Amino acid sequence: MSFASLTRRTLLQIALVGTLACPVMLPAIAQADPLPSWNEGKTKAAIVDFVMRTTAPGPDFVAVGDRIATFDNDGTLWSEQPLYFQLAFVLDRVKAMAKDHPEWKDTQPFKAVIEGDTKTLMAGGEKGIVELLAATSSGMSVEDFSASVVEWTKTARHPRFDKPYTELVFQPMLELLAYLRANDYQTFIVSGGGVEFMRPWTEGAYGIPPQQVVGSSGKTEFKLDGDTPSIQKLPAIEFVDDGPGKPVGINRFIGKRPVFAAGNSDGDLQMLQWTTLNSGPRFGMIIHHTDAKREWAYDRDSHIGKLDKALDEAPKRGWTVVDMKDDWKVIYPFEK
């Protein structure tokens, strides 16, 4: 076998093994599993087939600069039950600040927090959470807010698993992110969650740096105190990156249409449409929560991560629906 006959992919695989010396090693290389926490089946095969087709010479080849993959966060890259994790972060702040804001007792979603009305709170969705975040972080610098988020990720524990929230990331999705990046895909988070909430920890959790995180945002302003500049958070919503806001956010902050998109709810429907309803190879993925024993099972009637319209549209659009119970060997890294 000559070097000229080797595809770029084969060279990369050989480099990972560490030798070009022995041709008999090539079959073993071909059997290397990039997604070991995924069960064998049509879902895993579809992912590998798409990556192979779009990165090897041929009619479906996608240039490196166009290999954009976008992922929702809540329910797609980590769990989101029994309530959105960033909501857990903000609830205590609302309660602590309520005495200084008597108007909150009659204003949603603050009223629901104060009264412990979880059903009403969940019905407000991610837009309500963004409003809570904006109100409880106003007057803080971005740096101070980031520090408070980092401290929360170190100390807060999930009520069911008694683990830090950042350990409730999905092991199969970590492998998928790494697999895409190994094949020159850029991986972005496009989430309805607050962008300032996610950026402090996404690189450590997913390998996705802050500049590749698109999310909902509150208004901010620049201030200069002597020779000390800062960005201050204001009590107003600037942009909601959910539903039809996701394609808008992708266009505004990424500037290219993705060829791969993954979500888990109707809030991701428009992102999946924007990604896949275009010419050329496209991949749409929906994470379907079907494992009540290891995680949770929910879809059409859930106040969190409702999956209804997107689930119905998936067969028509050719989107891959990941069945958590059947497709994943493990859910979380600590299960390995």
Protein backbone atom coordinates (compact mmCIF):
# COMPACT_ATOMS: atom_id res chain seq x y z
CA MET A 1 0.00 0.00 0.00
CA SER A 2 1.45 3.36 -1.06
CA PHE A 3 1.01 6.61 0.81
CA ALA A 4 -0.76 7.97 -2.28
CA SER A 5 -3.43 5.31 -2.00
CA LEU A 6 -4.23 6.13 1.62
CA THR A 7 -7.26 8.34 2.22
CA ARG A 8 -6.97 11.15 4.72
CA ARG A 9 -9.21 9.15 7.08
CA THR A 10 -6.97 6.07 6.93
CA LEU A 11 -3.91 8.18 7.66
CA LEU A 12 -5.64 9.68 10.67
CA GLN A 13 -6.69 6.28 11.97
CA ILE A 14 -3.21 4.88 11.52
CA ALA A 15 -1.73 7.88 13.30
CA LEU A 16 -4.04 7.29 16.24
CA VAL A 17 -2.87 3.68 16.49
CA GLY A 18 0.69 4.89 16.28
CA THR A 19 2.31 3.08 13.35
CA LEU A 20 2.43 2.79 9.58
CA ALA A 21 4.81 -0.09 9.70
CA CYS A 22 2.64 -3.16 9.45
CA PRO A 23 -0.14 -3.60 6.84
CA VAL A 24 -1.69 -6.44 8.86
CA MET A 25 -2.87 -3.85 11.40
CA LEU A 26 -5.24 -2.19 8.94
CA PRO A 27 -8.22 -4.53 9.54
CA ALA A 28 -8.02 -3.83 13.27
CA ILE A 29 -7.99 -0.12 12.54
CA ALA A 30 -11.11 -0.44 10.44
CA GLN A 31 -12.85 -2.11 13.38
CA ALA A 32 -12.04 0.69 15.84
CA ASP A 33 -15.26 1.89 17.48
CA PRO A 34 -15.64 5.68 17.72
CA LEU A 35 -18.91 5.34 19.66
CA PRO A 36 -18.36 2.57 22.24
CA SER A 37 -21.30 3.60 24.46
CA TRP A 38 -23.76 3.26 21.56
CA ASN A 39 -25.41 -0.09 20.94
CA GLU A 40 -25.00 -1.56 17.48
CA GLY A 41 -27.98 -0.84 15.27
CA LYS A 42 -29.42 1.47 12.67
CA THR A 43 -28.96 4.63 14.76
CA LYS A 44 -25.24 4.16 15.33
CA ALA A 45 -24.78 2.98 11.76
CA ALA A 46 -26.52 6.09 10.41
CA ILE A 47 -24.19 8.40 12.37
CA VAL A 48 -21.02 6.63 11.25
CA ASP A 49 -22.24 6.44 7.66
CA PHE A 50 -22.96 10.17 7.59
CA VAL A 51 -19.56 11.10 9.01
CA MET A 52 -17.77 8.77 6.60
CA ARG A 53 -19.67 10.07 3.56
CA THR A 54 -19.18 13.74 4.38
CA THR A 55 -15.46 13.49 5.10
CA ALA A 56 -14.31 11.14 2.34
CA PRO A 57 -13.97 12.09 -1.35
CA GLY A 58 -17.25 11.60 -3.13
CA PRO A 59 -20.60 13.22 -3.96
CA ASP A 60 -21.45 13.90 -0.28
CA PHE A 61 -18.09 15.38 0.69
CA VAL A 62 -18.40 18.49 2.87
CA ALA A 63 -15.51 20.96 2.93
CA VAL A 64 -13.86 21.31 6.33
CA GLY A 65 -14.98 24.91 6.72
CA ASP A 66 -18.61 23.88 6.24
CA ARG A 67 -18.62 21.03 8.75
CA ILE A 68 -20.84 22.74 11.32
CA ALA A 69 -22.69 20.67 13.93
CA THR A 70 -25.12 22.26 16.41
CA PHE A 71 -26.43 20.72 19.61
CA ASP A 72 -29.14 21.76 21.99
CA ASN A 73 -27.96 21.49 25.61
CA ASP A 74 -30.82 20.73 28.03
CA GLY A 75 -32.05 17.20 27.40
CA THR A 76 -29.64 16.70 24.51
CA LEU A 77 -26.19 16.90 26.07
CA TRP A 78 -27.19 16.60 29.73
CA SER A 79 -30.35 15.77 31.67
CA GLU A 80 -33.08 18.32 32.29
CA GLN A 81 -35.31 16.65 34.89
CA PRO A 82 -36.94 17.13 37.35
CA LEU A 83 -36.38 20.77 36.35
CA TYR A 84 -33.96 22.61 34.09
CA PHE A 85 -30.60 22.66 35.81
CA GLN A 86 -30.08 26.37 35.40
CA LEU A 87 -33.42 26.85 37.09
CA ALA A 88 -32.05 25.05 40.13
CA PHE A 89 -29.24 27.61 40.10
CA VAL A 90 -31.57 30.59 40.11
CA LEU A 91 -34.38 29.49 42.47
CA ASP A 92 -32.46 30.24 45.65
CA ARG A 93 -31.47 33.65 44.30
CA VAL A 94 -35.11 34.53 43.63
CA LYS A 95 -36.16 33.53 47.15
CA ALA A 96 -33.29 35.44 48.71
CA MET A 97 -34.07 38.60 46.74
CA ALA A 98 -37.88 38.45 47.04
CA LYS A 99 -37.97 40.65 50.15
CA ASP A 100 -36.55 43.52 48.11
CA HIS A 101 -39.04 42.98 45.27
CA PRO A 102 -42.60 42.91 46.67
CA GLU A 103 -43.96 43.17 43.12
CA TRP A 104 -42.72 39.64 42.43
CA LYS A 105 -45.45 38.06 44.58
CA ASP A 106 -47.99 38.99 41.88
CA THR A 107 -45.79 38.56 38.79
CA GLN A 108 -44.97 35.32 36.97
CA PRO A 109 -42.66 33.48 36.92
CA PHE A 110 -41.48 34.96 40.24
CA LYS A 111 -44.83 34.26 41.91
CA ALA A 112 -44.50 30.56 41.10
CA VAL A 113 -41.01 30.40 42.61
CA ILE A 114 -42.07 32.13 45.84
CA GLU A 115 -45.13 29.89 46.21
CA GLY A 116 -43.34 26.70 45.20
CA ASP A 117 -45.73 26.24 42.26
CA THR A 118 -43.58 23.92 40.15
CA LYS A 119 -46.27 23.20 37.56
CA THR A 120 -46.74 26.86 36.66
CA LEU A 121 -43.00 27.42 36.73
CA MET A 122 -42.37 24.57 34.30
CA ALA A 123 -45.14 25.75 32.00
CA GLY A 124 -43.19 28.98 31.48
CA GLY A 125 -40.43 27.03 29.74
CA GLU A 126 -36.96 28.36 29.03
CA LYS A 127 -38.24 31.86 28.32
CA GLY A 128 -39.37 32.13 31.93
CA ILE A 129 -36.01 30.88 33.15
CA VAL A 130 -34.21 33.50 31.10
CA GLU A 131 -36.43 36.15 32.70
CA LEU A 132 -35.53 34.86 36.17
CA LEU A 133 -31.85 34.85 35.30
CA ALA A 134 -31.99 38.39 33.97
CA ALA A 135 -33.76 39.71 37.05
CA THR A 136 -31.56 37.96 39.60
CA SER A 137 -28.23 38.77 37.97
CA SER A 138 -28.76 42.41 37.03
CA GLY A 139 -26.15 44.76 38.44
CA MET A 140 -23.49 42.04 38.38
CA SER A 141 -20.52 42.01 36.07
CA VAL A 142 -20.25 39.13 33.63
CA GLU A 143 -17.13 38.00 35.49
CA ASP A 144 -18.88 37.95 38.87
CA PHE A 145 -21.83 36.08 37.41
CA SER A 146 -19.49 33.54 35.83
CA ALA A 147 -17.77 33.01 39.18
CA SER A 148 -21.12 32.37 40.86
CA VAL A 149 -22.00 29.77 38.21
CA VAL A 150 -18.65 28.01 38.63
CA GLU A 151 -19.12 27.89 42.40
CA TRP A 152 -22.60 26.43 41.93
CA THR A 153 -21.30 23.67 39.66
CA LYS A 154 -18.82 22.71 42.38
CA THR A 155 -21.25 22.66 45.30
CA ALA A 156 -24.78 21.94 44.04
CA ARG A 157 -25.98 18.33 43.87
CA HIS A 158 -28.72 16.79 41.80
CA PRO A 159 -31.59 15.63 44.05
CA ARG A 160 -31.90 12.16 42.50
CA PHE A 161 -28.29 11.19 41.84
CA ASP A 162 -26.47 13.24 44.49
CA LYS A 163 -23.89 14.19 41.87
CA PRO A 164 -22.72 17.59 40.62
CA TYR A 165 -24.98 18.66 37.79
CA THR A 166 -22.04 18.72 35.38
CA GLU A 167 -21.62 14.96 35.90
CA LEU A 168 -25.08 14.35 34.47
CA VAL A 169 -23.83 14.77 30.92
CA PHE A 170 -24.57 12.01 28.46
CA GLN A 171 -21.60 9.73 27.80
CA PRO A 172 -22.80 8.71 24.31
CA MET A 173 -23.09 12.38 23.33
CA LEU A 174 -19.60 13.12 24.63
CA GLU A 175 -18.36 10.40 22.29
CA LEU A 176 -20.37 11.82 19.40
CA LEU A 177 -18.92 15.30 19.96
CA ALA A 178 -15.39 13.88 20.04
CA TYR A 179 -16.04 11.76 16.94
CA LEU A 180 -17.26 14.76 14.97
CA ARG A 181 -14.33 16.92 16.06
CA ALA A 182 -11.87 14.15 15.14
CA ASN A 183 -13.33 14.46 11.65
CA ASP A 184 -12.90 18.24 11.49
CA TYR A 185 -16.44 19.20 12.47
CA GLN A 186 -16.90 22.30 14.57
CA THR A 187 -19.33 21.58 17.40
CA PHE A 188 -21.57 24.36 18.71
CA ILE A 189 -24.13 24.53 21.48
CA VAL A 190 -27.35 26.27 20.40
CA SER A 191 -29.56 26.30 23.47
CA GLY A 192 -32.54 28.10 24.92
CA GLY A 193 -30.59 28.31 28.17
CA GLY A 194 -28.74 31.42 29.25
CA VAL A 195 -25.48 31.88 27.38
CA GLU A 196 -23.70 33.37 30.39
CA PHE A 197 -24.84 30.41 32.48
CA MET A 198 -23.39 27.85 30.05
CA ARG A 199 -20.12 29.41 28.98
CA PRO A 200 -18.26 29.02 32.30
CA TRP A 201 -18.41 25.20 32.25
CA THR A 202 -19.12 23.88 28.72
CA GLU A 203 -15.47 23.55 27.72
CA GLY A 204 -14.68 21.39 30.73
CA ALA A 205 -17.83 19.31 30.33
CA TYR A 206 -18.05 18.94 26.55
CA GLY A 207 -14.88 20.34 25.03
CA ILE A 208 -16.92 23.20 23.54
CA PRO A 209 -15.26 26.59 24.19
CA PRO A 210 -17.25 29.69 25.21
CA GLN A 211 -17.10 31.27 21.75
CA GLN A 212 -18.96 28.24 20.34
CA VAL A 213 -21.90 28.57 22.72
CA VAL A 214 -25.06 30.26 21.43
CA GLY A 215 -27.83 30.85 23.94
CA SER A 216 -30.46 33.19 25.26
CA SER A 217 -29.07 36.41 26.64
CA GLY A 218 -29.95 39.36 28.80
CA LYS A 219 -28.96 42.90 27.93
CA THR A 220 -25.55 44.12 29.03
CA GLU A 221 -23.65 47.37 28.99
CA PHE A 222 -20.02 48.43 29.05
CA LYS A 223 -18.79 50.42 32.05
CA LEU A 224 -15.46 51.99 32.87
CA ASP A 225 -14.68 52.64 36.52
CA GLY A 226 -11.39 54.50 36.51
CA ASP A 227 -9.16 52.20 34.51
CA THR A 228 -11.27 49.11 35.18
CA PRO A 229 -13.62 48.10 32.35
CA SER A 230 -16.48 45.68 32.84
CA ILE A 231 -19.57 44.31 31.16
CA GLN A 232 -22.58 44.73 33.46
CA LYS A 233 -25.72 42.60 33.29
CA LEU A 234 -29.04 44.46 33.01
CA PRO A 235 -32.54 43.32 34.09
CA ALA A 236 -33.89 42.86 30.57
CA ILE A 237 -34.01 40.07 27.99
CA GLU A 238 -32.12 40.69 24.78
CA PHE A 239 -32.54 37.45 22.83
CA VAL A 240 -34.36 34.15 23.37
CA ASP A 241 -32.57 31.34 21.57
CA ASP A 242 -35.42 28.86 21.50
CA GLY A 243 -37.84 27.62 18.84
CA PRO A 244 -37.68 29.92 15.80
CA GLY A 245 -35.01 31.91 17.63
CA LYS A 246 -32.50 29.09 17.13
CA PRO A 247 -32.07 29.51 13.34
CA VAL A 248 -31.85 33.27 13.93
CA GLY A 249 -29.16 32.72 16.55
CA ILE A 250 -27.25 30.35 14.28
CA ASN A 251 -27.31 32.90 11.47
CA ARG A 252 -26.31 35.75 13.78
CA PHE A 253 -23.57 34.11 15.79
CA ILE A 254 -22.27 31.24 13.63
CA GLY A 255 -22.91 32.61 10.15
CA LYS A 256 -23.23 29.26 8.40
CA ARG A 257 -26.05 26.77 8.17
CA PRO A 258 -25.21 23.52 9.98
CA VAL A 259 -25.08 20.18 8.22
CA PHE A 260 -25.66 18.30 11.49
CA ALA A 261 -28.10 19.25 14.25
CA ALA A 262 -29.27 17.47 17.38
CA GLY A 263 -32.06 18.32 19.80
CA ASN A 264 -34.64 16.64 22.00
CA SER A 265 -37.76 18.80 22.06
CA ASP A 266 -40.14 20.93 20.06
CA GLY A 267 -37.94 23.87 20.98
CA ASP A 268 -35.40 22.38 18.55
CA LEU A 269 -37.85 21.88 15.69
CA GLN A 270 -36.91 24.98 13.73
CA MET A 271 -33.18 24.33 14.17
CA LEU A 272 -33.68 20.85 12.71
CA GLN A 273 -35.72 22.28 9.84
CA TRP A 274 -33.14 25.00 9.15
CA THR A 275 -30.37 22.41 9.09
CA THR A 276 -31.94 19.64 7.06
CA LEU A 277 -34.27 21.38 4.59
CA ASN A 278 -31.43 22.26 2.27
CA SER A 279 -29.44 20.64 -0.53
CA GLY A 280 -26.53 18.32 0.11
CA PRO A 281 -25.97 15.82 2.92
CA ARG A 282 -27.81 16.73 6.14
CA PHE A 283 -28.32 14.99 9.45
CA GLY A 284 -31.08 15.68 11.96
CA MET A 285 -31.09 13.93 15.34
CA ILE A 286 -33.66 13.80 18.13
CA ILE A 287 -32.80 12.40 21.56
CA HIS A 288 -35.93 10.60 22.78
CA HIS A 289 -36.01 10.10 26.55
CA THR A 290 -37.35 6.56 26.93
CA ASP A 291 -35.40 5.19 29.90
CA ALA A 292 -37.27 5.77 33.16
CA LYS A 293 -34.97 3.42 35.05
CA ARG A 294 -31.61 4.97 34.20
CA GLU A 295 -32.81 8.51 33.44
CA TRP A 296 -36.42 9.61 32.67
CA ALA A 297 -39.11 8.76 30.14
CA TYR A 298 -41.12 11.66 28.75
CA ASP A 299 -42.18 13.33 25.51
CA ARG A 300 -45.57 14.71 24.43
CA ASP A 301 -47.08 15.70 27.79
CA SER A 302 -43.99 16.91 29.58
CA HIS A 303 -43.68 20.49 30.82
CA ILE A 304 -39.93 20.09 30.39
CA GLY A 305 -38.49 19.09 27.04
CA LYS A 306 -41.88 18.51 25.40
CA LEU A 307 -41.40 16.39 22.29
CA ASP A 308 -44.54 16.32 20.17
CA LYS A 309 -44.47 18.10 16.82
CA ALA A 310 -40.81 17.31 16.19
CA LEU A 311 -41.43 13.63 16.93
CA ASP A 312 -44.25 13.55 14.38
CA GLU A 313 -42.17 15.36 11.79
CA ALA A 314 -39.08 13.16 12.19
CA PRO A 315 -40.15 10.29 9.88
CA LYS A 316 -41.18 12.67 7.11
CA ARG A 317 -37.87 14.52 7.29
CA GLY A 318 -35.68 11.45 7.71
CA TRP A 319 -34.41 12.56 11.10
CA THR A 320 -32.75 9.96 13.29
CA VAL A 321 -34.62 9.42 16.57
CA VAL A 322 -32.30 8.12 19.28
CA ASP A 323 -34.08 5.74 21.65
CA MET A 324 -32.18 6.24 24.90
CA LYS A 325 -33.20 2.87 26.34
CA ASP A 326 -32.32 0.84 23.26
CA ASP A 327 -29.49 2.82 21.66
CA TRP A 328 -27.30 3.71 24.64
CA LYS A 329 -25.28 1.22 26.67
CA VAL A 330 -24.76 3.76 29.44
CA ILE A 331 -26.29 7.17 30.11
CA TYR A 332 -23.72 8.96 32.29
CA PRO A 333 -19.90 8.79 32.48
CA PHE A 334 -20.01 7.57 36.09
CA GLU A 335 -21.87 4.43 34.96
CA LYS A 336 -18.91 3.14 32.99
